Amino acid sequence: MESMKNRRTVRKYLSKDISSELLNDLLEISFRASTTGNMQLYSVVVTRDPEMKERLAPAHYHQPAIKTAPVVLTFCADFGRFTKWCEQRKAVPGYNNFQSFMNAFMDAIIVAQTFCTVAEEAGLGICYLGTTTYNPQMIIETLKLPKLVFPATTITVGYPDGMPEQVDRLHPDAIIHNEYYNDYTSADIDRIYAYKESLAENRRFITENAKETLAQVFTDIRYTKKDNRAISENFMKVLQQQDFL
């Protein structure tokens, strides 16, 4: 437990490769994670080839970790495999809908996080790429994902090239609600975000972006309403393309 308290996201990796035996063992362990109805509604695409990493890079806005990590894992929500099994066993599947997508998406995220935990325990470093759902159609085309398969998240993994500083997290009291949800007062918000707003790095973000508050850096620069709407519209379009809507 202490090692998890000290964990860090690793974006720089040594050139040392990860053996297939170790990677497969870690993946097999992660496949013991909880899953909806014991259906295991996920698949994992392992990318090692430099050319394939180059082809994936644009979908992730050319984040360096895509090319420098020895292994890139794309965890996919996959109802295609289960659907084919049903069809081949004289059953009539009805999984081309949003609820089924959500079941498969949650399965994929749970197994991805389980993999990250066991990989870090094995001395590896990992980084989630939140860009996976920004450009899903590019990943679908590159990895040749069929209908009822959708990229949920991407993990870069390798042996750490040094350990970065640990980033801040909100105090548990800001997140835990006992028995029922206790909505936040203005005073609560001030207290909860005071430490984050006091950090030199975050104060620098405010200055560099010519903003008044850290919140404005998020709303006006990093995660804008315009961008979020465009990504959402594209996400729903690709869900339909993959037969989940």
C-alpha atoms as a PDB file:
ATOM      1  CA  MET A   1       0.000   0.000   0.000  1.00  0.00           C
ATOM      2  CA  GLU A   2       2.852   2.370   0.767  1.00  0.00           C
ATOM      3  CA  SER A   3       4.226   1.966  -2.755  1.00  0.00           C
ATOM      4  CA  MET A   4       0.879   3.070  -4.209  1.00  0.00           C
ATOM      5  CA  LYS A   5       0.892   6.183  -2.045  1.00  0.00           C
ATOM      6  CA  ASN A   6       4.212   7.092  -3.626  1.00  0.00           C
ATOM      7  CA  ARG A   7       3.274   6.257  -7.225  1.00  0.00           C
ATOM      8  CA  ARG A   8       4.036   8.560 -10.127  1.00  0.00           C
ATOM      9  CA  THR A   9       3.030   8.753 -13.756  1.00  0.00           C
ATOM     10  CA  VAL A  10       6.068   7.889 -15.870  1.00  0.00           C
ATOM     11  CA  ARG A  11       6.472   9.398 -19.336  1.00  0.00           C
ATOM     12  CA  LYS A  12      10.205   8.774 -19.890  1.00  0.00           C
ATOM     13  CA  TYR A  13      11.493   5.238 -20.346  1.00  0.00           C
ATOM     14  CA  LEU A  14      14.766   3.388 -20.663  1.00  0.00           C
ATOM     15  CA  SER A  15      15.457   1.666 -23.986  1.00  0.00           C
ATOM     16  CA  LYS A  16      15.270  -1.676 -22.140  1.00  0.00           C
ATOM     17  CA  ASP A  17      12.624  -3.949 -23.625  1.00  0.00           C
ATOM     18  CA  ILE A  18       9.844  -5.702 -21.721  1.00  0.00           C
ATOM     19  CA  SER A  19       9.925  -9.443 -22.263  1.00  0.00           C
ATOM     20  CA  SER A  20       6.849 -11.087 -23.764  1.00  0.00           C
ATOM     21  CA  GLU A  21       6.798 -13.455 -20.800  1.00  0.00           C
ATOM     22  CA  LEU A  22       6.583 -10.627 -18.264  1.00  0.00           C
ATOM     23  CA  LEU A  23       4.064  -8.620 -20.265  1.00  0.00           C
ATOM     24  CA  ASN A  24       1.811 -11.600 -20.878  1.00  0.00           C
ATOM     25  CA  ASP A  25       1.993 -12.589 -17.220  1.00  0.00           C
ATOM     26  CA  LEU A  26       0.976  -9.096 -16.121  1.00  0.00           C
ATOM     27  CA  LEU A  27      -1.875  -9.048 -18.616  1.00  0.00           C
ATOM     28  CA  GLU A  28      -3.061 -12.476 -17.517  1.00  0.00           C
ATOM     29  CA  ILE A  29      -3.113 -11.309 -13.906  1.00  0.00           C
ATOM     30  CA  SER A  30      -5.073  -8.187 -14.898  1.00  0.00           C
ATOM     31  CA  PHE A  31      -7.643 -10.365 -16.648  1.00  0.00           C
ATOM     32  CA  ARG A  32      -8.652 -11.639 -13.205  1.00  0.00           C
ATOM     33  CA  ALA A  33     -10.213  -8.220 -12.578  1.00  0.00           C
ATOM     34  CA  SER A  34     -13.944  -7.839 -12.011  1.00  0.00           C
ATOM     35  CA  THR A  35     -16.029  -7.963 -15.182  1.00  0.00           C
ATOM     36  CA  THR A  36     -19.688  -7.562 -16.091  1.00  0.00           C
ATOM     37  CA  GLY A  37     -21.435 -10.942 -15.935  1.00  0.00           C
ATOM     38  CA  ASN A  38     -18.067 -12.711 -16.283  1.00  0.00           C
ATOM     39  CA  MET A  39     -18.202 -11.836 -19.998  1.00  0.00           C
ATOM     40  CA  GLN A  40     -14.742 -10.165 -20.189  1.00  0.00           C
ATOM     41  CA  LEU A  41     -15.898  -7.492 -22.605  1.00  0.00           C
ATOM     42  CA  TYR A  42     -12.455  -6.204 -23.533  1.00  0.00           C
ATOM     43  CA  SER A  43      -9.491  -6.811 -25.800  1.00  0.00           C
ATOM     44  CA  VAL A  44      -5.951  -5.457 -25.628  1.00  0.00           C
ATOM     45  CA  VAL A  45      -3.866  -4.520 -28.667  1.00  0.00           C
ATOM     46  CA  VAL A  46      -0.125  -4.687 -27.930  1.00  0.00           C
ATOM     47  CA  THR A  47       2.011  -2.331 -30.016  1.00  0.00           C
ATOM     48  CA  ARG A  48       5.780  -2.788 -30.103  1.00  0.00           C
ATOM     49  CA  ASP A  49       6.635  -2.050 -33.738  1.00  0.00           C
ATOM     50  CA  PRO A  50       8.091   1.479 -34.198  1.00  0.00           C
ATOM     51  CA  GLU A  51       6.188   1.955 -37.455  1.00  0.00           C
ATOM     52  CA  MET A  52       2.891   1.159 -35.770  1.00  0.00           C
ATOM     53  CA  LYS A  53       3.719   3.590 -32.968  1.00  0.00           C
ATOM     54  CA  GLU A  54       4.331   6.259 -35.624  1.00  0.00           C
ATOM     55  CA  ARG A  55       0.931   5.532 -37.102  1.00  0.00           C
ATOM     56  CA  LEU A  56      -0.750   5.768 -33.682  1.00  0.00           C
ATOM     57  CA  ALA A  57       1.066   8.973 -32.714  1.00  0.00           C
ATOM     58  CA  PRO A  58      -1.217  11.461 -34.548  1.00  0.00           C
ATOM     59  CA  ALA A  59      -4.280  10.141 -32.690  1.00  0.00           C
ATOM     60  CA  HIS A  60      -2.484  11.019 -29.449  1.00  0.00           C
ATOM     61  CA  TYR A  61      -1.250  14.421 -30.619  1.00  0.00           C
ATOM     62  CA  HIS A  62       2.284  13.042 -30.969  1.00  0.00           C
ATOM     63  CA  GLN A  63       2.872  12.694 -27.238  1.00  0.00           C
ATOM     64  CA  PRO A  64       6.518  11.554 -26.911  1.00  0.00           C
ATOM     65  CA  ALA A  65       5.663   8.567 -24.711  1.00  0.00           C
ATOM     66  CA  ILE A  66       3.926   6.862 -27.642  1.00  0.00           C
ATOM     67  CA  LYS A  67       7.210   6.555 -29.515  1.00  0.00           C
ATOM     68  CA  THR A  68       9.651   6.159 -26.633  1.00  0.00           C
ATOM     69  CA  ALA A  69       7.808   3.540 -24.575  1.00  0.00           C
ATOM     70  CA  PRO A  70       8.825  -0.021 -25.469  1.00  0.00           C
ATOM     71  CA  VAL A  71       5.174  -1.098 -25.321  1.00  0.00           C
ATOM     72  CA  VAL A  72       1.903   0.702 -26.037  1.00  0.00           C
ATOM     73  CA  LEU A  73      -1.311  -1.010 -24.938  1.00  0.00           C
ATOM     74  CA  THR A  74      -4.707  -0.054 -26.318  1.00  0.00           C
ATOM     75  CA  PHE A  75      -7.476  -1.411 -24.109  1.00  0.00           C
ATOM     76  CA  CYS A  76     -10.689  -1.798 -26.087  1.00  0.00           C
ATOM     77  CA  ALA A  77     -14.331  -2.173 -25.140  1.00  0.00           C
ATOM     78  CA  ASP A  78     -15.159  -5.357 -27.042  1.00  0.00           C
ATOM     79  CA  PHE A  79     -18.634  -6.797 -27.455  1.00  0.00           C
ATOM     80  CA  GLY A  80     -17.734  -8.197 -30.864  1.00  0.00           C
ATOM     81  CA  ARG A  81     -16.139 -11.404 -29.600  1.00  0.00           C
ATOM     82  CA  PHE A  82     -19.034 -12.204 -27.240  1.00  0.00           C
ATOM     83  CA  THR A  83     -21.577 -11.406 -29.964  1.00  0.00           C
ATOM     84  CA  LYS A  84     -19.913 -13.822 -32.393  1.00  0.00           C
ATOM     85  CA  TRP A  85     -19.929 -16.540 -29.719  1.00  0.00           C
ATOM     86  CA  CYS A  86     -23.651 -16.004 -29.177  1.00  0.00           C
ATOM     87  CA  GLU A  87     -24.368 -16.183 -32.901  1.00  0.00           C
ATOM     88  CA  GLN A  88     -22.351 -19.381 -33.277  1.00  0.00           C
ATOM     89  CA  ARG A  89     -24.245 -20.973 -30.382  1.00  0.00           C
ATOM     90  CA  LYS A  90     -27.778 -20.346 -31.705  1.00  0.00           C
ATOM     91  CA  ALA A  91     -28.318 -17.358 -29.379  1.00  0.00           C
ATOM     92  CA  VAL A  92     -29.620 -13.976 -30.543  1.00  0.00           C
ATOM     93  CA  PRO A  93     -27.360 -11.170 -29.187  1.00  0.00           C
ATOM     94  CA  GLY A  94     -28.736  -7.686 -28.589  1.00  0.00           C
ATOM     95  CA  TYR A  95     -25.592  -5.775 -27.730  1.00  0.00           C
ATOM     96  CA  ASN A  96     -25.497  -3.065 -30.404  1.00  0.00           C
ATOM     97  CA  ASN A  97     -26.655  -0.360 -27.993  1.00  0.00           C
ATOM     98  CA  PHE A  98     -25.272   2.236 -25.596  1.00  0.00           C
ATOM     99  CA  GLN A  99     -25.835   0.230 -22.416  1.00  0.00           C
ATOM    100  CA  SER A 100     -23.777  -2.632 -23.825  1.00  0.00           C
ATOM    101  CA  PHE A 101     -21.074  -0.170 -24.801  1.00  0.00           C
ATOM    102  CA  MET A 102     -20.981   1.154 -21.242  1.00  0.00           C
ATOM    103  CA  ASN A 103     -20.660  -2.370 -19.853  1.00  0.00           C
ATOM    104  CA  ALA A 104     -17.754  -3.098 -22.184  1.00  0.00           C
ATOM    105  CA  PHE A 105     -16.175   0.312 -21.598  1.00  0.00           C
ATOM    106  CA  MET A 106     -16.210  -0.176 -17.822  1.00  0.00           C
ATOM    107  CA  ASP A 107     -14.762  -3.662 -18.220  1.00  0.00           C
ATOM    108  CA  ALA A 108     -11.914  -2.280 -20.316  1.00  0.00           C
ATOM    109  CA  ILE A 109     -11.128   0.524 -17.856  1.00  0.00           C
ATOM    110  CA  ILE A 110     -11.177  -1.815 -14.849  1.00  0.00           C
ATOM    111  CA  VAL A 111      -8.775  -4.268 -16.484  1.00  0.00           C
ATOM    112  CA  ALA A 112      -6.539  -1.407 -17.655  1.00  0.00           C
ATOM    113  CA  GLN A 113      -6.211  -0.041 -14.117  1.00  0.00           C
ATOM    114  CA  THR A 114      -5.566  -3.519 -12.763  1.00  0.00           C
ATOM    115  CA  PHE A 115      -2.775  -3.917 -15.304  1.00  0.00           C
ATOM    116  CA  CYS A 116      -1.275  -0.587 -14.261  1.00  0.00           C
ATOM    117  CA  THR A 117      -1.241  -1.623 -10.611  1.00  0.00           C
ATOM    118  CA  VAL A 118       0.482  -4.958 -11.200  1.00  0.00           C
ATOM    119  CA  ALA A 119       2.898  -3.432 -13.731  1.00  0.00           C
ATOM    120  CA  GLU A 120       4.023  -0.812 -11.222  1.00  0.00           C
ATOM    121  CA  GLU A 121       4.434  -3.487  -8.573  1.00  0.00           C
ATOM    122  CA  ALA A 122       6.737  -5.270 -11.054  1.00  0.00           C
ATOM    123  CA  GLY A 123       8.959  -2.179 -11.346  1.00  0.00           C
ATOM    124  CA  LEU A 124       7.531  -0.768 -14.556  1.00  0.00           C
ATOM    125  CA  GLY A 125       6.254   2.757 -15.121  1.00  0.00           C
ATOM    126  CA  ILE A 126       2.972   3.599 -16.834  1.00  0.00           C
ATOM    127  CA  CYS A 127       1.180   6.573 -18.326  1.00  0.00           C
ATOM    128  CA  TYR A 128      -2.484   6.838 -19.242  1.00  0.00           C
ATOM    129  CA  LEU A 129      -3.114   8.684 -22.506  1.00  0.00           C
ATOM    130  CA  GLY A 130      -6.385  10.536 -22.129  1.00  0.00           C
ATOM    131  CA  THR A 131      -6.386  11.276 -25.850  1.00  0.00           C
ATOM    132  CA  THR A 132      -7.709   7.817 -26.773  1.00  0.00           C
ATOM    133  CA  THR A 133     -11.334   8.951 -26.918  1.00  0.00           C
ATOM    134  CA  TYR A 134     -10.460  12.260 -28.621  1.00  0.00           C
ATOM    135  CA  ASN A 135      -9.659  10.628 -31.968  1.00  0.00           C
ATOM    136  CA  PRO A 136     -11.108   7.116 -31.743  1.00  0.00           C
ATOM    137  CA  GLN A 137     -11.671   6.777 -35.482  1.00  0.00           C
ATOM    138  CA  MET A 138      -7.928   7.147 -36.144  1.00  0.00           C
ATOM    139  CA  ILE A 139      -7.137   4.383 -33.655  1.00  0.00           C
ATOM    140  CA  ILE A 140      -9.904   2.182 -35.045  1.00  0.00           C
ATOM    141  CA  GLU A 141      -8.483   2.524 -38.553  1.00  0.00           C
ATOM    142  CA  THR A 142      -4.872   1.983 -37.488  1.00  0.00           C
ATOM    143  CA  LEU A 143      -5.588  -1.063 -35.326  1.00  0.00           C
ATOM    144  CA  LYS A 144      -8.285  -2.419 -37.667  1.00  0.00           C
ATOM    145  CA  LEU A 145     -10.908  -2.628 -34.947  1.00  0.00           C
ATOM    146  CA  PRO A 146     -14.133  -4.278 -36.201  1.00  0.00           C
ATOM    147  CA  LYS A 147     -17.737  -3.422 -35.340  1.00  0.00           C
ATOM    148  CA  LEU A 148     -18.626  -3.524 -31.630  1.00  0.00           C
ATOM    149  CA  VAL A 149     -14.995  -2.815 -30.659  1.00  0.00           C
ATOM    150  CA  PHE A 150     -14.022   0.655 -29.417  1.00  0.00           C
ATOM    151  CA  PRO A 151     -10.755   2.023 -27.970  1.00  0.00           C
ATOM    152  CA  ALA A 152     -11.286   2.869 -24.295  1.00  0.00           C
ATOM    153  CA  THR A 153      -7.836   3.905 -23.074  1.00  0.00           C
ATOM    154  CA  THR A 154      -4.166   3.679 -24.008  1.00  0.00           C
ATOM    155  CA  ILE A 155      -1.323   2.872 -21.626  1.00  0.00           C
ATOM    156  CA  THR A 156       2.358   3.396 -22.342  1.00  0.00           C
ATOM    157  CA  VAL A 157       4.578   1.112 -20.277  1.00  0.00           C
ATOM    158  CA  GLY A 158       8.294   0.618 -19.759  1.00  0.00           C
ATOM    159  CA  TYR A 159      11.162   0.753 -17.291  1.00  0.00           C
ATOM    160  CA  PRO A 160      11.341   4.276 -15.826  1.00  0.00           C
ATOM    161  CA  ASP A 161      14.151   6.591 -16.896  1.00  0.00           C
ATOM    162  CA  GLY A 162      14.260   8.370 -13.536  1.00  0.00           C
ATOM    163  CA  MET A 163      11.293   9.180 -11.335  1.00  0.00           C
ATOM    164  CA  PRO A 164       9.378  12.438 -11.789  1.00  0.00           C
ATOM    165  CA  GLU A 165       8.074  14.534  -8.940  1.00  0.00           C
ATOM    166  CA  GLN A 166       4.787  13.362  -7.499  1.00  0.00           C
ATOM    167  CA  VAL A 167       1.933  15.622  -8.561  1.00  0.00           C
ATOM    168  CA  ASP A 168      -0.626  16.991  -6.129  1.00  0.00           C
ATOM    169  CA  ARG A 169      -3.906  15.298  -5.263  1.00  0.00           C
ATOM    170  CA  LEU A 170      -6.952  16.622  -3.424  1.00  0.00           C
ATOM    171  CA  HIS A 171      -7.225  15.615   0.221  1.00  0.00           C
ATOM    172  CA  PRO A 172      -9.443  12.528   0.711  1.00  0.00           C
ATOM    173  CA  ASP A 173     -11.898  14.643   2.699  1.00  0.00           C
ATOM    174  CA  ALA A 174     -12.642  16.513  -0.532  1.00  0.00           C
ATOM    175  CA  ILE A 175     -13.775  13.349  -2.279  1.00  0.00           C
ATOM    176  CA  ILE A 176     -15.229  10.952   0.310  1.00  0.00           C
ATOM    177  CA  HIS A 177     -18.930  11.319   1.167  1.00  0.00           C
ATOM    178  CA  ASN A 178     -20.275   9.280   4.088  1.00  0.00           C
ATOM    179  CA  GLU A 179     -23.729   7.760   3.733  1.00  0.00           C
ATOM    180  CA  TYR A 180     -24.960  10.412   1.274  1.00  0.00           C
ATOM    181  CA  TYR A 181     -23.565  13.137  -0.967  1.00  0.00           C
ATOM    182  CA  ASN A 182     -22.723  16.305   0.933  1.00  0.00           C
ATOM    183  CA  ASP A 183     -22.797  19.137  -1.574  1.00  0.00           C
ATOM    184  CA  TYR A 184     -19.962  21.672  -1.430  1.00  0.00           C
ATOM    185  CA  THR A 185     -20.343  25.156  -0.016  1.00  0.00           C
ATOM    186  CA  SER A 186     -18.277  28.083  -1.261  1.00  0.00           C
ATOM    187  CA  ALA A 187     -16.126  27.761   1.852  1.00  0.00           C
ATOM    188  CA  ASP A 188     -15.590  24.060   1.101  1.00  0.00           C
ATOM    189  CA  ILE A 189     -14.405  24.850  -2.422  1.00  0.00           C
ATOM    190  CA  ASP A 190     -11.986  27.499  -1.143  1.00  0.00           C
ATOM    191  CA  ARG A 191     -10.567  25.061   1.395  1.00  0.00           C
ATOM    192  CA  ILE A 192     -10.364  22.074  -0.952  1.00  0.00           C
ATOM    193  CA  TYR A 193      -8.530  23.874  -3.761  1.00  0.00           C
ATOM    194  CA  ALA A 194      -6.352  26.182  -1.655  1.00  0.00           C
ATOM    195  CA  TYR A 195      -3.276  23.942  -1.778  1.00  0.00           C
ATOM    196  CA  LYS A 196      -3.515  23.287  -5.524  1.00  0.00           C
ATOM    197  CA  GLU A 197      -3.874  27.010  -6.189  1.00  0.00           C
ATOM    198  CA  SER A 198      -0.876  27.813  -3.971  1.00  0.00           C
ATOM    199  CA  LEU A 199       1.619  25.644  -5.881  1.00  0.00           C
ATOM    200  CA  ALA A 200       4.303  27.570  -7.737  1.00  0.00           C
ATOM    201  CA  GLU A 201       3.789  25.501 -10.879  1.00  0.00           C
ATOM    202  CA  ASN A 202       0.103  26.333 -10.978  1.00  0.00           C
ATOM    203  CA  ARG A 203       0.705  30.009 -10.281  1.00  0.00           C
ATOM    204  CA  ARG A 204       3.080  29.936 -13.261  1.00  0.00           C
ATOM    205  CA  PHE A 205       0.345  28.430 -15.442  1.00  0.00           C
ATOM    206  CA  ILE A 206      -1.881  31.390 -14.555  1.00  0.00           C
ATOM    207  CA  THR A 207       0.801  33.912 -15.493  1.00  0.00           C
ATOM    208  CA  GLU A 208       1.860  32.137 -18.693  1.00  0.00           C
ATOM    209  CA  ASN A 209      -1.715  31.974 -19.918  1.00  0.00           C
ATOM    210  CA  ALA A 210      -2.551  35.525 -18.860  1.00  0.00           C
ATOM    211  CA  LYS A 211      -5.437  34.379 -16.699  1.00  0.00           C
ATOM    212  CA  GLU A 212      -6.775  35.516 -13.341  1.00  0.00           C
ATOM    213  CA  THR A 213      -7.327  32.091 -11.766  1.00  0.00           C
ATOM    214  CA  LEU A 214      -6.189  28.487 -12.208  1.00  0.00           C
ATOM    215  CA  ALA A 215      -9.772  27.481 -12.972  1.00  0.00           C
ATOM    216  CA  GLN A 216      -9.691  29.799 -15.998  1.00  0.00           C
ATOM    217  CA  VAL A 217      -6.645  27.932 -17.322  1.00  0.00           C
ATOM    218  CA  PHE A 218      -8.768  24.787 -17.377  1.00  0.00           C
ATOM    219  CA  THR A 219     -11.959  26.326 -18.787  1.00  0.00           C
ATOM    220  CA  ASP A 220     -10.422  28.750 -21.301  1.00  0.00           C
ATOM    221  CA  ILE A 221      -7.224  26.982 -22.393  1.00  0.00           C
ATOM    222  CA  ARG A 222      -6.933  23.296 -21.559  1.00  0.00           C
ATOM    223  CA  TYR A 223     -10.460  21.877 -21.673  1.00  0.00           C
ATOM    224  CA  THR A 224     -12.719  24.335 -23.438  1.00  0.00           C
ATOM    225  CA  LYS A 225     -16.450  24.022 -23.965  1.00  0.00           C
ATOM    226  CA  LYS A 226     -15.940  24.241 -27.727  1.00  0.00           C
ATOM    227  CA  ASP A 227     -13.397  21.423 -27.800  1.00  0.00           C
ATOM    228  CA  ASN A 228     -15.401  19.220 -25.445  1.00  0.00           C
ATOM    229  CA  ARG A 229     -18.514  19.596 -27.577  1.00  0.00           C
ATOM    230  CA  ALA A 230     -16.622  18.774 -30.777  1.00  0.00           C
ATOM    231  CA  ILE A 231     -15.009  15.709 -29.165  1.00  0.00           C
ATOM    232  CA  SER A 232     -18.392  14.599 -27.791  1.00  0.00           C
ATOM    233  CA  GLU A 233     -20.061  14.889 -31.197  1.00  0.00           C
ATOM    234  CA  ASN A 234     -17.269  12.921 -32.833  1.00  0.00           C
ATOM    235  CA  PHE A 235     -17.380  10.297 -30.070  1.00  0.00           C
ATOM    236  CA  MET A 236     -21.076   9.672 -30.647  1.00  0.00           C
ATOM    237  CA  LYS A 237     -20.539   9.554 -34.405  1.00  0.00           C
ATOM    238  CA  VAL A 238     -17.851   6.885 -34.061  1.00  0.00           C
ATOM    239  CA  LEU A 239     -19.972   4.926 -31.570  1.00  0.00           C
ATOM    240  CA  GLN A 240     -22.625   4.739 -34.279  1.00  0.00           C
ATOM    241  CA  GLN A 241     -20.007   3.738 -36.832  1.00  0.00           C
ATOM    242  CA  GLN A 242     -18.938   0.876 -34.559  1.00  0.00           C
ATOM    243  CA  ASP A 243     -22.577  -0.241 -34.233  1.00  0.00           C
ATOM    244  CA  PHE A 244     -23.022   0.688 -30.564  1.00  0.00           C
ATOM    245  CA  LEU A 245     -25.828   3.164 -31.369  1.00  0.00           C
END
